[in-house]
Amino acid sequence: MADLTAAQKQLLQGLFKSPEASCLDCGGYHLRSCPRVKRQAWIGNGNRTEVEYWQSGQYDDSETIYPEDVFDDTESA
């Protein structure tokens, strides 16, 4: 992940403090679908019934921002 400015970090810290903002699959924040998810199955009512993940190192998460990218060691999400 590219270096973030202090203003960008502050904005993202606010997002991460809201539990529904981060991805349930990877814990990060991204604008597109989660790069960690390889395959999903859904039922008619919109509930996900299956999810298959890529193994570590098999997916590109370069556009994903994780909490550790925006919080210093002394701060927490």
PDB file of N, CA and C in Angstrom:
ATOM      1  N   MET A   1       0.845  -1.175   0.000  1.00  0.00           N
ATOM      2  CA  MET A   1       0.000   0.000   0.000  1.00  0.00           C
ATOM      3  C   MET A   1       0.886   1.233   0.000  1.00  0.00           C
ATOM      4  N   ALA A   2       0.510   2.216  -0.785  1.00  0.00           N
ATOM      5  CA  ALA A   2       1.269   3.463  -0.874  1.00  0.00           C
ATOM      6  C   ALA A   2       1.211   4.210   0.454  1.00  0.00           C
ATOM      7  N   ASP A   3       2.180   5.077   0.655  1.00  0.00           N
ATOM      8  CA  ASP A   3       2.188   5.881   1.873  1.00  0.00           C
ATOM      9  C   ASP A   3       0.955   6.775   1.896  1.00  0.00           C
ATOM     10  N   LEU A   4       0.345   6.877   3.044  1.00  0.00           N
ATOM     11  CA  LEU A   4      -0.852   7.690   3.211  1.00  0.00           C
ATOM     12  C   LEU A   4      -0.508   8.982   3.915  1.00  0.00           C
ATOM     13  N   THR A   5      -1.186  10.073   3.540  1.00  0.00           N
ATOM     14  CA  THR A   5      -0.992  11.347   4.223  1.00  0.00           C
ATOM     15  C   THR A   5      -1.690  11.280   5.580  1.00  0.00           C
ATOM     16  N   ALA A   6      -1.373  12.227   6.443  1.00  0.00           N
ATOM     17  CA  ALA A   6      -2.006  12.279   7.759  1.00  0.00           C
ATOM     18  C   ALA A   6      -3.515  12.454   7.616  1.00  0.00           C
ATOM     19  N   ALA A   7      -3.968  13.267   6.662  1.00  0.00           N
ATOM     20  CA  ALA A   7      -5.401  13.483   6.451  1.00  0.00           C
ATOM     21  C   ALA A   7      -6.082  12.198   5.974  1.00  0.00           C
ATOM     22  N   GLN A   8      -5.433  11.459   5.084  1.00  0.00           N
ATOM     23  CA  GLN A   8      -5.998  10.194   4.612  1.00  0.00           C
ATOM     24  C   GLN A   8      -6.095   9.188   5.757  1.00  0.00           C
ATOM     25  N   LYS A   9      -5.042   9.123   6.573  1.00  0.00           N
ATOM     26  CA  LYS A   9      -5.062   8.212   7.718  1.00  0.00           C
ATOM     27  C   LYS A   9      -6.196   8.559   8.675  1.00  0.00           C
ATOM     28  N   GLN A  10      -6.387   9.846   8.925  1.00  0.00           N
ATOM     29  CA  GLN A  10      -7.436  10.277   9.846  1.00  0.00           C
ATOM     30  C   GLN A  10      -8.818   9.881   9.308  1.00  0.00           C
ATOM     31  N   LEU A  11      -9.045  10.084   8.021  1.00  0.00           N
ATOM     32  CA  LEU A  11     -10.314   9.701   7.416  1.00  0.00           C
ATOM     33  C   LEU A  11     -10.538   8.189   7.523  1.00  0.00           C
ATOM     34  N   LEU A  12      -9.518   7.424   7.207  1.00  0.00           N
ATOM     35  CA  LEU A  12      -9.630   5.965   7.251  1.00  0.00           C
ATOM     36  C   LEU A  12      -9.760   5.444   8.677  1.00  0.00           C
ATOM     37  N   GLN A  13      -9.139   6.108   9.628  1.00  0.00           N
ATOM     38  CA  GLN A  13      -9.296   5.703  11.026  1.00  0.00           C
ATOM     39  C   GLN A  13     -10.756   5.793  11.440  1.00  0.00           C
ATOM     40  N   GLY A  14     -11.438   6.844  10.984  1.00  0.00           N
ATOM     41  CA  GLY A  14     -12.862   6.989  11.269  1.00  0.00           C
ATOM     42  C   GLY A  14     -13.672   5.853  10.674  1.00  0.00           C
ATOM     43  N   LEU A  15     -13.311   5.445   9.458  1.00  0.00           N
ATOM     44  CA  LEU A  15     -14.007   4.323   8.821  1.00  0.00           C
ATOM     45  C   LEU A  15     -13.806   3.030   9.602  1.00  0.00           C
ATOM     46  N   PHE A  16     -12.569   2.760  10.002  1.00  0.00           N
ATOM     47  CA  PHE A  16     -12.281   1.511  10.710  1.00  0.00           C
ATOM     48  C   PHE A  16     -12.899   1.461  12.101  1.00  0.00           C
ATOM     49  N   LYS A  17     -13.219   2.603  12.668  1.00  0.00           N
ATOM     50  CA  LYS A  17     -13.856   2.600  13.986  1.00  0.00           C
ATOM     51  C   LYS A  17     -15.331   2.227  13.892  1.00  0.00           C
ATOM     52  N   SER A  18     -15.862   2.198  12.672  1.00  0.00           N
ATOM     53  CA  SER A  18     -17.227   1.757  12.435  1.00  0.00           C
ATOM     54  C   SER A  18     -17.177   0.312  11.952  1.00  0.00           C
ATOM     55  N   PRO A  19     -17.681  -0.637  12.729  1.00  0.00           N
ATOM     56  CA  PRO A  19     -17.515  -2.060  12.409  1.00  0.00           C
ATOM     57  C   PRO A  19     -18.015  -2.465  11.025  1.00  0.00           C
ATOM     58  N   GLU A  20     -19.079  -1.838  10.537  1.00  0.00           N
ATOM     59  CA  GLU A  20     -19.626  -2.238   9.252  1.00  0.00           C
ATOM     60  C   GLU A  20     -18.825  -1.720   8.065  1.00  0.00           C
ATOM     61  N   ALA A  21     -17.836  -0.882   8.294  1.00  0.00           N
ATOM     62  CA  ALA A  21     -17.053  -0.317   7.191  1.00  0.00           C
ATOM     63  C   ALA A  21     -15.991  -1.282   6.663  1.00  0.00           C
ATOM     64  N   SER A  22     -15.449  -2.112   7.517  1.00  0.00           N
ATOM     65  CA  SER A  22     -14.387  -3.007   7.060  1.00  0.00           C
ATOM     66  C   SER A  22     -14.981  -4.304   6.511  1.00  0.00           C
ATOM     67  N   CYS A  23     -14.252  -4.920   5.619  1.00  0.00           N
ATOM     68  CA  CYS A  23     -14.681  -6.141   4.945  1.00  0.00           C
ATOM     69  C   CYS A  23     -14.755  -7.302   5.936  1.00  0.00           C
ATOM     70  N   LEU A  24     -15.832  -8.055   5.873  1.00  0.00           N
ATOM     71  CA  LEU A  24     -15.996  -9.217   6.754  1.00  0.00           C
ATOM     72  C   LEU A  24     -15.050 -10.350   6.387  1.00  0.00           C
ATOM     73  N   ASP A  25     -14.563 -10.358   5.155  1.00  0.00           N
ATOM     74  CA  ASP A  25     -13.708 -11.451   4.703  1.00  0.00           C
ATOM     75  C   ASP A  25     -12.220 -11.201   4.956  1.00  0.00           C
ATOM     76  N   CYS A  26     -11.767  -9.961   4.799  1.00  0.00           N
ATOM     77  CA  CYS A  26     -10.330  -9.708   4.956  1.00  0.00           C
ATOM     78  C   CYS A  26     -10.010  -8.705   6.060  1.00  0.00           C
ATOM     79  N   GLY A  27     -11.010  -7.990   6.561  1.00  0.00           N
ATOM     80  CA  GLY A  27     -10.789  -7.010   7.616  1.00  0.00           C
ATOM     81  C   GLY A  27     -10.276  -5.683   7.108  1.00  0.00           C
ATOM     82  N   GLY A  28     -10.110  -5.560   5.806  1.00  0.00           N
ATOM     83  CA  GLY A  28      -9.596  -4.334   5.211  1.00  0.00           C
ATOM     84  C   GLY A  28     -10.701  -3.472   4.626  1.00  0.00           C
ATOM     85  N   TYR A  29     -10.276  -2.428   3.916  1.00  0.00           N
ATOM     86  CA  TYR A  29     -11.199  -1.524   3.244  1.00  0.00           C
ATOM     87  C   TYR A  29     -10.776  -1.466   1.783  1.00  0.00           C
ATOM     88  N   HIS A  30     -11.717  -1.740   0.888  1.00  0.00           N
ATOM     89  CA  HIS A  30     -11.439  -1.690  -0.547  1.00  0.00           C
ATOM     90  C   HIS A  30     -12.697  -1.254  -1.264  1.00  0.00           C
ATOM     91  N   LEU A  31     -12.535  -0.669  -2.444  1.00  0.00           N
ATOM     92  CA  LEU A  31     -13.675  -0.141  -3.186  1.00  0.00           C
ATOM     93  C   LEU A  31     -14.350  -1.191  -4.054  1.00  0.00           C
ATOM     94  N   ARG A  32     -13.633  -2.217  -4.422  1.00  0.00           N
ATOM     95  CA  ARG A  32     -14.190  -3.282  -5.255  1.00  0.00           C
ATOM     96  C   ARG A  32     -14.444  -4.516  -4.392  1.00  0.00           C
ATOM     97  N   SER A  33     -14.834  -5.584  -5.025  1.00  0.00           N
ATOM     98  CA  SER A  33     -15.069  -6.815  -4.268  1.00  0.00           C
ATOM     99  C   SER A  33     -13.777  -7.277  -3.595  1.00  0.00           C
ATOM    100  N   CYS A  34     -13.925  -8.051  -2.565  1.00  0.00           N
ATOM    101  CA  CYS A  34     -12.771  -8.486  -1.781  1.00  0.00           C
ATOM    102  C   CYS A  34     -11.842  -9.365  -2.623  1.00  0.00           C
ATOM    103  N   PRO A  35     -10.571  -8.985  -2.716  1.00  0.00           N
ATOM    104  CA  PRO A  35      -9.642  -9.783  -3.512  1.00  0.00           C
ATOM    105  C   PRO A  35      -9.319 -11.137  -2.887  1.00  0.00           C
ATOM    106  N   ARG A  36      -9.641 -11.315  -1.626  1.00  0.00           N
ATOM    107  CA  ARG A  36      -9.350 -12.577  -0.937  1.00  0.00           C
ATOM    108  C   ARG A  36     -10.369 -13.666  -1.300  1.00  0.00           C
ATOM    109  N   VAL A  37     -11.563 -13.266  -1.726  1.00  0.00           N
ATOM    110  CA  VAL A  37     -12.633 -14.218  -2.032  1.00  0.00           C
ATOM    111  C   VAL A  37     -12.446 -14.794  -3.431  1.00  0.00           C
ATOM    112  N   LYS A  38     -12.359 -16.098  -3.485  1.00  0.00           N
ATOM    113  CA  LYS A  38     -12.201 -16.813  -4.754  1.00  0.00           C
ATOM    114  C   LYS A  38     -13.561 -17.169  -5.347  1.00  0.00           C
ATOM    115  N   ARG A  39     -14.487 -17.624  -4.488  1.00  0.00           N
ATOM    116  CA  ARG A  39     -15.799 -18.073  -4.951  1.00  0.00           C
ATOM    117  C   ARG A  39     -16.808 -17.924  -3.821  1.00  0.00           C
ATOM    118  N   GLN A  40     -18.055 -17.553  -4.181  1.00  0.00           N
ATOM    119  CA  GLN A  40     -19.135 -17.431  -3.217  1.00  0.00           C
ATOM    120  C   GLN A  40     -20.383 -18.101  -3.767  1.00  0.00           C
ATOM    121  N   ALA A  41     -21.230 -18.584  -2.890  1.00  0.00           N
ATOM    122  CA  ALA A  41     -22.528 -19.119  -3.279  1.00  0.00           C
ATOM    123  C   ALA A  41     -23.588 -18.442  -2.405  1.00  0.00           C
ATOM    124  N   TRP A  42     -24.670 -18.048  -3.038  1.00  0.00           N
ATOM    125  CA  TRP A  42     -25.753 -17.336  -2.351  1.00  0.00           C
ATOM    126  C   TRP A  42     -27.057 -18.098  -2.543  1.00  0.00           C
ATOM    127  N   ILE A  43     -27.980 -17.930  -1.599  1.00  0.00           N
ATOM    128  CA  ILE A  43     -29.322 -18.477  -1.786  1.00  0.00           C
ATOM    129  C   ILE A  43     -30.256 -17.326  -2.130  1.00  0.00           C
ATOM    130  N   GLY A  44     -31.463 -17.648  -2.539  1.00  0.00           N
ATOM    131  CA  GLY A  44     -32.404 -16.666  -3.059  1.00  0.00           C
ATOM    132  C   GLY A  44     -32.709 -15.479  -2.163  1.00  0.00           C
ATOM    133  N   ASN A  45     -32.608 -15.644  -0.853  1.00  0.00           N
ATOM    134  CA  ASN A  45     -32.940 -14.534   0.048  1.00  0.00           C
ATOM    135  C   ASN A  45     -31.759 -13.594   0.290  1.00  0.00           C
ATOM    136  N   GLY A  46     -30.644 -13.809  -0.423  1.00  0.00           N
ATOM    137  CA  GLY A  46     -29.488 -12.926  -0.300  1.00  0.00           C
ATOM    138  C   GLY A  46     -28.462 -13.350   0.730  1.00  0.00           C
ATOM    139  N   ASN A  47     -28.675 -14.461   1.396  1.00  0.00           N
ATOM    140  CA  ASN A  47     -27.702 -14.951   2.376  1.00  0.00           C
ATOM    141  C   ASN A  47     -26.609 -15.751   1.683  1.00  0.00           C
ATOM    142  N   ARG A  48     -25.391 -15.511   2.069  1.00  0.00           N
ATOM    143  CA  ARG A  48     -24.270 -16.268   1.520  1.00  0.00           C
ATOM    144  C   ARG A  48     -24.185 -17.600   2.241  1.00  0.00           C
ATOM    145  N   THR A  49     -24.080 -18.672   1.470  1.00  0.00           N
ATOM    146  CA  THR A  49     -24.045 -20.001   2.054  1.00  0.00           C
ATOM    147  C   THR A  49     -22.668 -20.631   2.011  1.00  0.00           C
ATOM    148  N   GLU A  50     -21.842 -20.197   1.076  1.00  0.00           N
ATOM    149  CA  GLU A  50     -20.488 -20.734   0.950  1.00  0.00           C
ATOM    150  C   GLU A  50     -19.541 -19.610   0.547  1.00  0.00           C
ATOM    151  N   VAL A  51     -18.306 -19.750   0.991  1.00  0.00           N
ATOM    152  CA  VAL A  51     -17.262 -18.841   0.532  1.00  0.00           C
ATOM    153  C   VAL A  51     -15.946 -19.615   0.492  1.00  0.00           C
ATOM    154  N   GLU A  52     -15.217 -19.434  -0.586  1.00  0.00           N
ATOM    155  CA  GLU A  52     -13.899 -20.053  -0.740  1.00  0.00           C
ATOM    156  C   GLU A  52     -12.893 -18.924  -0.906  1.00  0.00           C
ATOM    157  N   TYR A  53     -11.788 -19.013  -0.180  1.00  0.00           N
ATOM    158  CA  TYR A  53     -10.784 -17.957  -0.201  1.00  0.00           C
ATOM    159  C   TYR A  53      -9.549 -18.385  -0.980  1.00  0.00           C
ATOM    160  N   TRP A  54      -8.892 -17.409  -1.593  1.00  0.00           N
ATOM    161  CA  TRP A  54      -7.573 -17.639  -2.171  1.00  0.00           C
ATOM    162  C   TRP A  54      -6.604 -17.853  -1.019  1.00  0.00           C
ATOM    163  N   GLN A  55      -5.583 -18.652  -1.227  1.00  0.00           N
ATOM    164  CA  GLN A  55      -4.552 -18.834  -0.215  1.00  0.00           C
ATOM    165  C   GLN A  55      -3.680 -17.587  -0.154  1.00  0.00           C
ATOM    166  N   SER A  56      -3.060 -17.380   0.976  1.00  0.00           N
ATOM    167  CA  SER A  56      -2.175 -16.231   1.147  1.00  0.00           C
ATOM    168  C   SER A  56      -1.133 -16.194   0.037  1.00  0.00           C
ATOM    169  N   GLY A  57      -0.952 -15.045  -0.549  1.00  0.00           N
ATOM    170  CA  GLY A  57       0.019 -14.877  -1.623  1.00  0.00           C
ATOM    171  C   GLY A  57      -0.527 -15.169  -3.004  1.00  0.00           C
ATOM    172  N   GLN A  58      -1.771 -15.652  -3.084  1.00  0.00           N
ATOM    173  CA  GLN A  58      -2.370 -15.973  -4.379  1.00  0.00           C
ATOM    174  C   GLN A  58      -3.323 -14.895  -4.873  1.00  0.00           C
ATOM    175  N   TYR A  59      -3.416 -13.796  -4.167  1.00  0.00           N
ATOM    176  CA  TYR A  59      -4.309 -12.721  -4.593  1.00  0.00           C
ATOM    177  C   TYR A  59      -3.616 -11.370  -4.419  1.00  0.00           C
ATOM    178  N   ASP A  60      -4.081 -10.394  -5.193  1.00  0.00           N
ATOM    179  CA  ASP A  60      -3.499  -9.056  -5.172  1.00  0.00           C
ATOM    180  C   ASP A  60      -4.303  -8.170  -4.232  1.00  0.00           C
ATOM    181  N   ASP A  61      -3.735  -7.838  -3.086  1.00  0.00           N
ATOM    182  CA  ASP A  61      -4.421  -6.953  -2.153  1.00  0.00           C
ATOM    183  C   ASP A  61      -3.774  -5.571  -2.106  1.00  0.00           C
ATOM    184  N   SER A  62      -3.128  -5.189  -3.198  1.00  0.00           N
ATOM    185  CA  SER A  62      -2.422  -3.903  -3.240  1.00  0.00           C
ATOM    186  C   SER A  62      -3.375  -2.709  -3.164  1.00  0.00           C
ATOM    187  N   GLU A  63      -4.654  -2.915  -3.458  1.00  0.00           N
ATOM    188  CA  GLU A  63      -5.629  -1.823  -3.363  1.00  0.00           C
ATOM    189  C   GLU A  63      -6.478  -1.924  -2.102  1.00  0.00           C
ATOM    190  N   THR A  64      -6.061  -2.777  -1.182  1.00  0.00           N
ATOM    191  CA  THR A  64      -6.761  -2.947   0.094  1.00  0.00           C
ATOM    192  C   THR A  64      -5.991  -2.226   1.179  1.00  0.00           C
ATOM    193  N   ILE A  65      -6.703  -1.483   2.012  1.00  0.00           N
ATOM    194  CA  ILE A  65      -6.092  -0.789   3.144  1.00  0.00           C
ATOM    195  C   ILE A  65      -6.523  -1.527   4.405  1.00  0.00           C
ATOM    196  N   TYR A  66      -5.556  -1.898   5.216  1.00  0.00           N
ATOM    197  CA  TYR A  66      -5.810  -2.627   6.456  1.00  0.00           C
ATOM    198  C   TYR A  66      -5.660  -1.685   7.649  1.00  0.00           C
ATOM    199  N   PRO A  67      -6.278  -2.018   8.789  1.00  0.00           N
ATOM    200  CA  PRO A  67      -6.151  -1.151   9.967  1.00  0.00           C
ATOM    201  C   PRO A  67      -4.701  -0.829  10.326  1.00  0.00           C
ATOM    202  N   GLU A  68      -3.817  -1.806  10.182  1.00  0.00           N
ATOM    203  CA  GLU A  68      -2.409  -1.546  10.535  1.00  0.00           C
ATOM    204  C   GLU A  68      -1.750  -0.519   9.612  1.00  0.00           C
ATOM    205  N   ASP A  69      -2.372  -0.230   8.464  1.00  0.00           N
ATOM    206  CA  ASP A  69      -1.853   0.793   7.558  1.00  0.00           C
ATOM    207  C   ASP A  69      -2.185   2.205   8.031  1.00  0.00           C
ATOM    208  N   VAL A  70      -3.218   2.350   8.859  1.00  0.00           N
ATOM    209  CA  VAL A  70      -3.672   3.695   9.251  1.00  0.00           C
ATOM    210  C   VAL A  70      -3.532   3.998  10.729  1.00  0.00           C
ATOM    211  N   PHE A  71      -3.337   2.983  11.566  1.00  0.00           N
ATOM    212  CA  PHE A  71      -3.179   3.218  13.004  1.00  0.00           C
ATOM    213  C   PHE A  71      -1.729   2.998  13.392  1.00  0.00           C
ATOM    214  N   ASP A  72      -1.209   3.893  14.209  1.00  0.00           N
ATOM    215  CA  ASP A  72       0.122   3.704  14.766  1.00  0.00           C
ATOM    216  C   ASP A  72       0.043   2.645  15.856  1.00  0.00           C
ATOM    217  N   ASP A  73       1.191   2.205  16.332  1.00  0.00           N
ATOM    218  CA  ASP A  73       1.226   1.162  17.357  1.00  0.00           C
ATOM    219  C   ASP A  73       0.484   1.567  18.636  1.00  0.00           C
ATOM    220  N   THR A  74       0.410   2.853  18.918  1.00  0.00           N
ATOM    221  CA  THR A  74      -0.230   3.329  20.152  1.00  0.00           C
ATOM    222  C   THR A  74      -1.721   3.536  19.997  1.00  0.00           C
ATOM    223  N   GLU A  75      -2.229   3.501  18.753  1.00  0.00           N
ATOM    224  CA  GLU A  75      -3.652   3.698  18.503  1.00  0.00           C
ATOM    225  C   GLU A  75      -4.308   2.347  18.234  1.00  0.00           C
ATOM    226  N   SER A  76      -5.625   2.305  18.366  1.00  0.00           N
ATOM    227  CA  SER A  76      -6.326   1.054  18.067  1.00  0.00           C
ATOM    228  C   SER A  76      -7.626   1.350  17.339  1.00  0.00           C
ATOM    229  N   ALA A  77      -8.113   0.330  16.625  1.00  0.00           N
ATOM    230  CA  ALA A  77      -9.346   0.502  15.839  1.00  0.00           C
ATOM    231  C   ALA A  77     -10.563   0.469  16.712  1.00  0.00           C
TER     232      ALA A  77
END
